Amino acid sequence: SAVTAGTRVISDRIVVRVTQEPGQGFLDRM
């Protein structure tokens, strides 16, 4: 169920609940 900012949905539709505050996401830490 986990999704990462910056990745692209290429089919269908999903609803996502945000789990990180701005600047603290997976990509920011990386």
PDB file of all heavy atoms in Angstrom:
ATOM      1  N   SER A   1       0.801  -1.222   0.000  1.00  0.00           N
ATOM      2  CA  SER A   1       0.000   0.000   0.000  1.00  0.00           C
ATOM      3  C   SER A   1       0.835   1.274   0.000  1.00  0.00           C
ATOM      4  O   SER A   1       0.308   2.347  -0.265  1.00  0.00           O
ATOM      5  CB  SER A   1      -0.925   0.009   1.218  1.00  0.00           C
ATOM      6  OG  SER A   1      -0.163  -0.049   2.418  1.00  0.00           O
ATOM      7  N   ALA A   2       2.138   1.167   0.300  1.00  0.00           N
ATOM      8  CA  ALA A   2       2.966   2.369   0.416  1.00  0.00           C
ATOM      9  C   ALA A   2       3.323   2.914  -0.960  1.00  0.00           C
ATOM     10  O   ALA A   2       3.684   2.164  -1.875  1.00  0.00           O
ATOM     11  CB  ALA A   2       4.240   2.061   1.196  1.00  0.00           C
ATOM     12  N   VAL A   3       3.222   4.227  -1.114  1.00  0.00           N
ATOM     13  CA  VAL A   3       3.619   4.897  -2.355  1.00  0.00           C
ATOM     14  C   VAL A   3       4.579   6.032  -2.016  1.00  0.00           C
ATOM     15  O   VAL A   3       4.563   6.570  -0.910  1.00  0.00           O
ATOM     16  CB  VAL A   3       2.400   5.441  -3.124  1.00  0.00           C
ATOM     17  CG1 VAL A   3       1.574   4.307  -3.699  1.00  0.00           C
ATOM     18  CG2 VAL A   3       1.530   6.326  -2.231  1.00  0.00           C
ATOM     19  N   THR A   4       5.408   6.393  -3.006  1.00  0.00           N
ATOM     20  CA  THR A   4       6.464   7.379  -2.794  1.00  0.00           C
ATOM     21  C   THR A   4       6.263   8.585  -3.697  1.00  0.00           C
ATOM     22  O   THR A   4       5.897   8.427  -4.869  1.00  0.00           O
ATOM     23  CB  THR A   4       7.841   6.752  -3.085  1.00  0.00           C
ATOM     24  OG1 THR A   4       7.995   5.583  -2.273  1.00  0.00           O
ATOM     25  CG2 THR A   4       8.966   7.726  -2.778  1.00  0.00           C
ATOM     26  N   ALA A   5       6.510   9.755  -3.160  1.00  0.00           N
ATOM     27  CA  ALA A   5       6.388  10.987  -3.941  1.00  0.00           C
ATOM     28  C   ALA A   5       7.290  10.924  -5.175  1.00  0.00           C
ATOM     29  O   ALA A   5       8.424  10.464  -5.100  1.00  0.00           O
ATOM     30  CB  ALA A   5       6.762  12.188  -3.078  1.00  0.00           C
ATOM     31  N   GLY A   6       6.772  11.394  -6.298  1.00  0.00           N
ATOM     32  CA  GLY A   6       7.568  11.451  -7.521  1.00  0.00           C
ATOM     33  C   GLY A   6       7.386  10.260  -8.431  1.00  0.00           C
ATOM     34  O   GLY A   6       7.873  10.272  -9.563  1.00  0.00           O
ATOM     35  N   THR A   7       6.709   9.204  -7.960  1.00  0.00           N
ATOM     36  CA  THR A   7       6.438   8.065  -8.836  1.00  0.00           C
ATOM     37  C   THR A   7       5.130   8.312  -9.581  1.00  0.00           C
ATOM     38  O   THR A   7       4.284   9.094  -9.143  1.00  0.00           O
ATOM     39  CB  THR A   7       6.367   6.754  -8.045  1.00  0.00           C
ATOM     40  OG1 THR A   7       5.377   6.869  -7.016  1.00  0.00           O
ATOM     41  CG2 THR A   7       7.705   6.472  -7.369  1.00  0.00           C
ATOM     42  N   ARG A   8       4.936   7.624 -10.724  1.00  0.00           N
ATOM     43  CA  ARG A   8       3.833   7.958 -11.613  1.00  0.00           C
ATOM     44  C   ARG A   8       2.827   6.804 -11.722  1.00  0.00           C
ATOM     45  O   ARG A   8       3.207   5.658 -11.934  1.00  0.00           O
ATOM     46  CB  ARG A   8       4.372   8.298 -13.001  1.00  0.00           C
ATOM     47  CG  ARG A   8       3.317   8.846 -13.962  1.00  0.00           C
ATOM     48  CD  ARG A   8       3.905   9.108 -15.330  1.00  0.00           C
ATOM     49  NE  ARG A   8       4.938  10.122 -15.319  1.00  0.00           N
ATOM     50  CZ  ARG A   8       4.709  11.427 -15.386  1.00  0.00           C
ATOM     51  NH1 ARG A   8       3.461  11.872 -15.465  1.00  0.00           N
ATOM     52  NH2 ARG A   8       5.708  12.287 -15.385  1.00  0.00           N
ATOM     53  N   VAL A   9       1.558   7.137 -11.587  1.00  0.00           N
ATOM     54  CA  VAL A   9       0.490   6.167 -11.806  1.00  0.00           C
ATOM     55  C   VAL A   9       0.273   6.022 -13.303  1.00  0.00           C
ATOM     56  O   VAL A   9       0.046   7.017 -14.007  1.00  0.00           O
ATOM     57  CB  VAL A   9      -0.815   6.615 -11.118  1.00  0.00           C
ATOM     58  CG1 VAL A   9      -1.978   5.722 -11.510  1.00  0.00           C
ATOM     59  CG2 VAL A   9      -0.640   6.612  -9.603  1.00  0.00           C
ATOM     60  N   ILE A  10       0.357   4.801 -13.814  1.00  0.00           N
ATOM     61  CA  ILE A  10       0.226   4.607 -15.264  1.00  0.00           C
ATOM     62  C   ILE A  10      -1.073   3.903 -15.645  1.00  0.00           C
ATOM     63  O   ILE A  10      -1.350   3.739 -16.838  1.00  0.00           O
ATOM     64  CB  ILE A  10       1.438   3.827 -15.833  1.00  0.00           C
ATOM     65  CG1 ILE A  10       1.580   2.455 -15.174  1.00  0.00           C
ATOM     66  CG2 ILE A  10       2.710   4.629 -15.672  1.00  0.00           C
ATOM     67  CD1 ILE A  10       2.711   1.625 -15.758  1.00  0.00           C
ATOM     68  N   SER A  11      -1.868   3.498 -14.641  1.00  0.00           N
ATOM     69  CA  SER A  11      -3.190   2.966 -14.958  1.00  0.00           C
ATOM     70  C   SER A  11      -4.067   3.035 -13.719  1.00  0.00           C
ATOM     71  O   SER A  11      -3.579   2.981 -12.592  1.00  0.00           O
ATOM     72  CB  SER A  11      -3.099   1.512 -15.442  1.00  0.00           C
ATOM     73  OG  SER A  11      -2.789   0.633 -14.384  1.00  0.00           O
ATOM     74  N   ASP A  12      -5.344   3.217 -13.942  1.00  0.00           N
ATOM     75  CA  ASP A  12      -6.353   3.194 -12.885  1.00  0.00           C
ATOM     76  C   ASP A  12      -6.286   4.428 -11.976  1.00  0.00           C
ATOM     77  O   ASP A  12      -5.624   5.418 -12.290  1.00  0.00           O
ATOM     78  CB  ASP A  12      -6.244   1.909 -12.073  1.00  0.00           C
ATOM     79  CG  ASP A  12      -6.407   0.675 -12.950  1.00  0.00           C
ATOM     80  OD1 ASP A  12      -7.485   0.506 -13.518  1.00  0.00           O
ATOM     81  OD2 ASP A  12      -5.430  -0.095 -13.074  1.00  0.00           O
ATOM     82  N   ARG A  13      -6.924   4.324 -10.830  1.00  0.00           N
ATOM     83  CA  ARG A  13      -7.093   5.460  -9.927  1.00  0.00           C
ATOM     84  C   ARG A  13      -6.966   4.982  -8.484  1.00  0.00           C
ATOM     85  O   ARG A  13      -7.487   3.936  -8.123  1.00  0.00           O
ATOM     86  CB  ARG A  13      -8.479   6.091 -10.146  1.00  0.00           C
ATOM     87  CG  ARG A  13      -8.880   7.190  -9.164  1.00  0.00           C
ATOM     88  CD  ARG A  13     -10.326   7.587  -9.447  1.00  0.00           C
ATOM     89  NE  ARG A  13     -10.784   8.664  -8.586  1.00  0.00           N
ATOM     90  CZ  ARG A  13     -11.276   8.485  -7.356  1.00  0.00           C
ATOM     91  NH1 ARG A  13     -11.342   7.252  -6.851  1.00  0.00           N
ATOM     92  NH2 ARG A  13     -11.691   9.515  -6.647  1.00  0.00           N
ATOM     93  N   ILE A  14      -6.251   5.753  -7.673  1.00  0.00           N
ATOM     94  CA  ILE A  14      -6.106   5.420  -6.259  1.00  0.00           C
ATOM     95  C   ILE A  14      -6.319   6.666  -5.408  1.00  0.00           C
ATOM     96  O   ILE A  14      -6.153   7.806  -5.880  1.00  0.00           O
ATOM     97  CB  ILE A  14      -4.710   4.825  -5.931  1.00  0.00           C
ATOM     98  CG1 ILE A  14      -3.585   5.743  -6.464  1.00  0.00           C
ATOM     99  CG2 ILE A  14      -4.571   3.420  -6.484  1.00  0.00           C
ATOM    100  CD1 ILE A  14      -2.191   5.259  -6.099  1.00  0.00           C
ATOM    101  N   VAL A  15      -6.706   6.430  -4.177  1.00  0.00           N
ATOM    102  CA  VAL A  15      -6.807   7.500  -3.185  1.00  0.00           C
ATOM    103  C   VAL A  15      -5.715   7.258  -2.154  1.00  0.00           C
ATOM    104  O   VAL A  15      -5.585   6.144  -1.624  1.00  0.00           O
ATOM    105  CB  VAL A  15      -8.194   7.516  -2.519  1.00  0.00           C
ATOM    106  CG1 VAL A  15      -8.256   8.618  -1.462  1.00  0.00           C
ATOM    107  CG2 VAL A  15      -9.282   7.717  -3.566  1.00  0.00           C
ATOM    108  N   VAL A  16      -4.932   8.294  -1.875  1.00  0.00           N
ATOM    109  CA  VAL A  16      -3.749   8.161  -1.027  1.00  0.00           C
ATOM    110  C   VAL A  16      -3.882   9.058   0.200  1.00  0.00           C
ATOM    111  O   VAL A  16      -4.252  10.233   0.086  1.00  0.00           O
ATOM    112  CB  VAL A  16      -2.470   8.538  -1.813  1.00  0.00           C
ATOM    113  CG1 VAL A  16      -1.240   8.481  -0.905  1.00  0.00           C
ATOM    114  CG2 VAL A  16      -2.297   7.616  -3.014  1.00  0.00           C
ATOM    115  N   ARG A  17      -3.584   8.487   1.364  1.00  0.00           N
ATOM    116  CA  ARG A  17      -3.502   9.282   2.591  1.00  0.00           C
ATOM    117  C   ARG A  17      -2.042   9.648   2.835  1.00  0.00           C
ATOM    118  O   ARG A  17      -1.161   8.782   2.884  1.00  0.00           O
ATOM    119  CB  ARG A  17      -4.036   8.514   3.794  1.00  0.00           C
ATOM    120  CG  ARG A  17      -3.984   9.349   5.096  1.00  0.00           C
ATOM    121  CD  ARG A  17      -4.286   8.524   6.322  1.00  0.00           C
ATOM    122  NE  ARG A  17      -5.643   7.989   6.302  1.00  0.00           N
ATOM    123  CZ  ARG A  17      -5.937   6.706   6.304  1.00  0.00           C
ATOM    124  NH1 ARG A  17      -4.954   5.795   6.302  1.00  0.00           N
ATOM    125  NH2 ARG A  17      -7.191   6.298   6.308  1.00  0.00           N
ATOM    126  N   VAL A  18      -1.739  10.935   2.971  1.00  0.00           N
ATOM    127  CA  VAL A  18      -0.369  11.422   3.169  1.00  0.00           C
ATOM    128  C   VAL A  18       0.126  11.005   4.552  1.00  0.00           C
ATOM    129  O   VAL A  18      -0.592  11.155   5.553  1.00  0.00           O
ATOM    130  CB  VAL A  18      -0.307  12.960   3.015  1.00  0.00           C
ATOM    131  CG1 VAL A  18       1.102  13.480   3.267  1.00  0.00           C
ATOM    132  CG2 VAL A  18      -0.775  13.362   1.620  1.00  0.00           C
ATOM    133  N   THR A  19       1.349  10.484   4.610  1.00  0.00           N
ATOM    134  CA  THR A  19       1.889   9.983   5.888  1.00  0.00           C
ATOM    135  C   THR A  19       3.094  10.780   6.383  1.00  0.00           C
ATOM    136  O   THR A  19       3.645  10.454   7.430  1.00  0.00           O
ATOM    137  CB  THR A  19       2.300   8.505   5.752  1.00  0.00           C
ATOM    138  OG1 THR A  19       3.246   8.379   4.680  1.00  0.00           O
ATOM    139  CG2 THR A  19       1.100   7.618   5.461  1.00  0.00           C
ATOM    140  N   GLN A  20       3.528  11.797   5.631  1.00  0.00           N
ATOM    141  CA  GLN A  20       4.706  12.562   6.038  1.00  0.00           C
ATOM    142  C   GLN A  20       4.431  14.055   5.935  1.00  0.00           C
ATOM    143  O   GLN A  20       3.677  14.505   5.068  1.00  0.00           O
ATOM    144  CB  GLN A  20       5.914  12.223   5.147  1.00  0.00           C
ATOM    145  CG  GLN A  20       6.384  10.786   5.247  1.00  0.00           C
ATOM    146  CD  GLN A  20       7.018  10.484   6.585  1.00  0.00           C
ATOM    147  OE1 GLN A  20       7.489  11.387   7.279  1.00  0.00           O
ATOM    148  NE2 GLN A  20       7.050   9.215   6.962  1.00  0.00           N
ATOM    149  N   GLU A  21       5.081  14.809   6.831  1.00  0.00           N
ATOM    150  CA  GLU A  21       5.027  16.268   6.739  1.00  0.00           C
ATOM    151  C   GLU A  21       5.951  16.743   5.617  1.00  0.00           C
ATOM    152  O   GLU A  21       6.866  16.020   5.209  1.00  0.00           O
ATOM    153  CB  GLU A  21       5.450  16.897   8.073  1.00  0.00           C
ATOM    154  CG  GLU A  21       4.540  16.571   9.241  1.00  0.00           C
ATOM    155  CD  GLU A  21       3.160  17.199   9.132  1.00  0.00           C
ATOM    156  OE1 GLU A  21       2.992  18.101   8.281  1.00  0.00           O
ATOM    157  OE2 GLU A  21       2.253  16.778   9.861  1.00  0.00           O
ATOM    158  N   PRO A  22       5.755  17.960   5.093  1.00  0.00           N
ATOM    159  CA  PRO A  22       6.624  18.479   4.021  1.00  0.00           C
ATOM    160  C   PRO A  22       8.086  18.480   4.436  1.00  0.00           C
ATOM    161  O   PRO A  22       8.430  18.828   5.572  1.00  0.00           O
ATOM    162  CB  PRO A  22       6.103  19.910   3.817  1.00  0.00           C
ATOM    163  CG  PRO A  22       4.694  19.880   4.304  1.00  0.00           C
ATOM    164  CD  PRO A  22       4.666  18.897   5.432  1.00  0.00           C
ATOM    165  N   GLY A  23       8.943  18.071   3.521  1.00  0.00           N
ATOM    166  CA  GLY A  23      10.383  18.068   3.778  1.00  0.00           C
ATOM    167  C   GLY A  23      10.875  16.883   4.576  1.00  0.00           C
ATOM    168  O   GLY A  23      12.072  16.772   4.840  1.00  0.00           O
ATOM    169  N   GLN A  24       9.969  15.990   4.991  1.00  0.00           N
ATOM    170  CA  GLN A  24      10.359  14.842   5.799  1.00  0.00           C
ATOM    171  C   GLN A  24      10.074  13.517   5.106  1.00  0.00           C
ATOM    172  O   GLN A  24      10.149  12.459   5.716  1.00  0.00           O
ATOM    173  CB  GLN A  24       9.620  14.865   7.147  1.00  0.00           C
ATOM    174  CG  GLN A  24       9.931  16.087   7.985  1.00  0.00           C
ATOM    175  CD  GLN A  24       9.141  16.101   9.278  1.00  0.00           C
ATOM    176  OE1 GLN A  24       8.407  15.171   9.587  1.00  0.00           O
ATOM    177  NE2 GLN A  24       9.284  17.174  10.042  1.00  0.00           N
ATOM    178  N   GLY A  25       9.748  13.573   3.827  1.00  0.00           N
ATOM    179  CA  GLY A  25       9.396  12.368   3.101  1.00  0.00           C
ATOM    180  C   GLY A  25      10.585  11.489   2.780  1.00  0.00           C
ATOM    181  O   GLY A  25      11.750  11.846   2.997  1.00  0.00           O
ATOM    182  N   PHE A  26      10.267  10.339   2.219  1.00  0.00           N
ATOM    183  CA  PHE A  26      11.281   9.341   1.858  1.00  0.00           C
ATOM    184  C   PHE A  26      12.319   9.949   0.920  1.00  0.00           C
ATOM    185  O   PHE A  26      13.521   9.804   1.101  1.00  0.00           O
ATOM    186  CB  PHE A  26      10.559   8.162   1.206  1.00  0.00           C
ATOM    187  CG  PHE A  26      11.445   7.026   0.821  1.00  0.00           C
ATOM    188  CD1 PHE A  26      11.918   6.143   1.774  1.00  0.00           C
ATOM    189  CD2 PHE A  26      11.803   6.817  -0.493  1.00  0.00           C
ATOM    190  CE1 PHE A  26      12.730   5.086   1.419  1.00  0.00           C
ATOM    191  CE2 PHE A  26      12.604   5.759  -0.855  1.00  0.00           C
ATOM    192  CZ  PHE A  26      13.067   4.890   0.107  1.00  0.00           C
ATOM    193  N   LEU A  27      11.842  10.648  -0.106  1.00  0.00           N
ATOM    194  CA  LEU A  27      12.746  11.236  -1.094  1.00  0.00           C
ATOM    195  C   LEU A  27      13.596  12.343  -0.488  1.00  0.00           C
ATOM    196  O   LEU A  27      14.779  12.486  -0.813  1.00  0.00           O
ATOM    197  CB  LEU A  27      11.926  11.770  -2.274  1.00  0.00           C
ATOM    198  CG  LEU A  27      12.612  11.787  -3.634  1.00  0.00           C
ATOM    199  CD1 LEU A  27      13.120  10.408  -3.999  1.00  0.00           C
ATOM    200  CD2 LEU A  27      11.661  12.282  -4.698  1.00  0.00           C
ATOM    201  N   ASP A  28      13.012  13.138   0.420  1.00  0.00           N
ATOM    202  CA  ASP A  28      13.774  14.208   1.078  1.00  0.00           C
ATOM    203  C   ASP A  28      14.933  13.631   1.895  1.00  0.00           C
ATOM    204  O   ASP A  28      16.053  14.138   1.845  1.00  0.00           O
ATOM    205  CB  ASP A  28      12.854  15.022   2.002  1.00  0.00           C
ATOM    206  CG  ASP A  28      11.759  15.728   1.238  1.00  0.00           C
ATOM    207  OD1 ASP A  28      12.070  16.636   0.461  1.00  0.00           O
ATOM    208  OD2 ASP A  28      10.588  15.365   1.420  1.00  0.00           O
ATOM    209  N   ARG A  29      14.653  12.562   2.643  1.00  0.00           N
ATOM    210  CA  ARG A  29      15.709  11.948   3.447  1.00  0.00           C
ATOM    211  C   ARG A  29      16.765  11.308   2.554  1.00  0.00           C
ATOM    212  O   ARG A  29      17.959  11.357   2.854  1.00  0.00           O
ATOM    213  CB  ARG A  29      15.107  10.896   4.387  1.00  0.00           C
ATOM    214  CG  ARG A  29      14.185  11.465   5.436  1.00  0.00           C
ATOM    215  CD  ARG A  29      13.974  10.469   6.573  1.00  0.00           C
ATOM    216  NE  ARG A  29      13.528   9.194   6.090  1.00  0.00           N
ATOM    217  CZ  ARG A  29      12.256   8.879   5.883  1.00  0.00           C
ATOM    218  NH1 ARG A  29      11.319   9.775   6.111  1.00  0.00           N
ATOM    219  NH2 ARG A  29      11.918   7.675   5.461  1.00  0.00           N
ATOM    220  N   MET A  30      16.314  10.724   1.472  1.00  0.00           N
ATOM    221  CA  MET A  30      17.244  10.084   0.548  1.00  0.00           C
ATOM    222  C   MET A  30      18.202  11.120  -0.038  1.00  0.00           C
ATOM    223  O   MET A  30      19.411  10.910  -0.115  1.00  0.00           O
ATOM    224  CB  MET A  30      16.456   9.390  -0.558  1.00  0.00           C
ATOM    225  CG  MET A  30      17.266   8.445  -1.417  1.00  0.00           C
ATOM    226  SD  MET A  30      16.148   7.498  -2.466  1.00  0.00           S
ATOM    227  CE  MET A  30      17.342   6.470  -3.322  1.00  0.00           C
TER     228      MET A  30
END
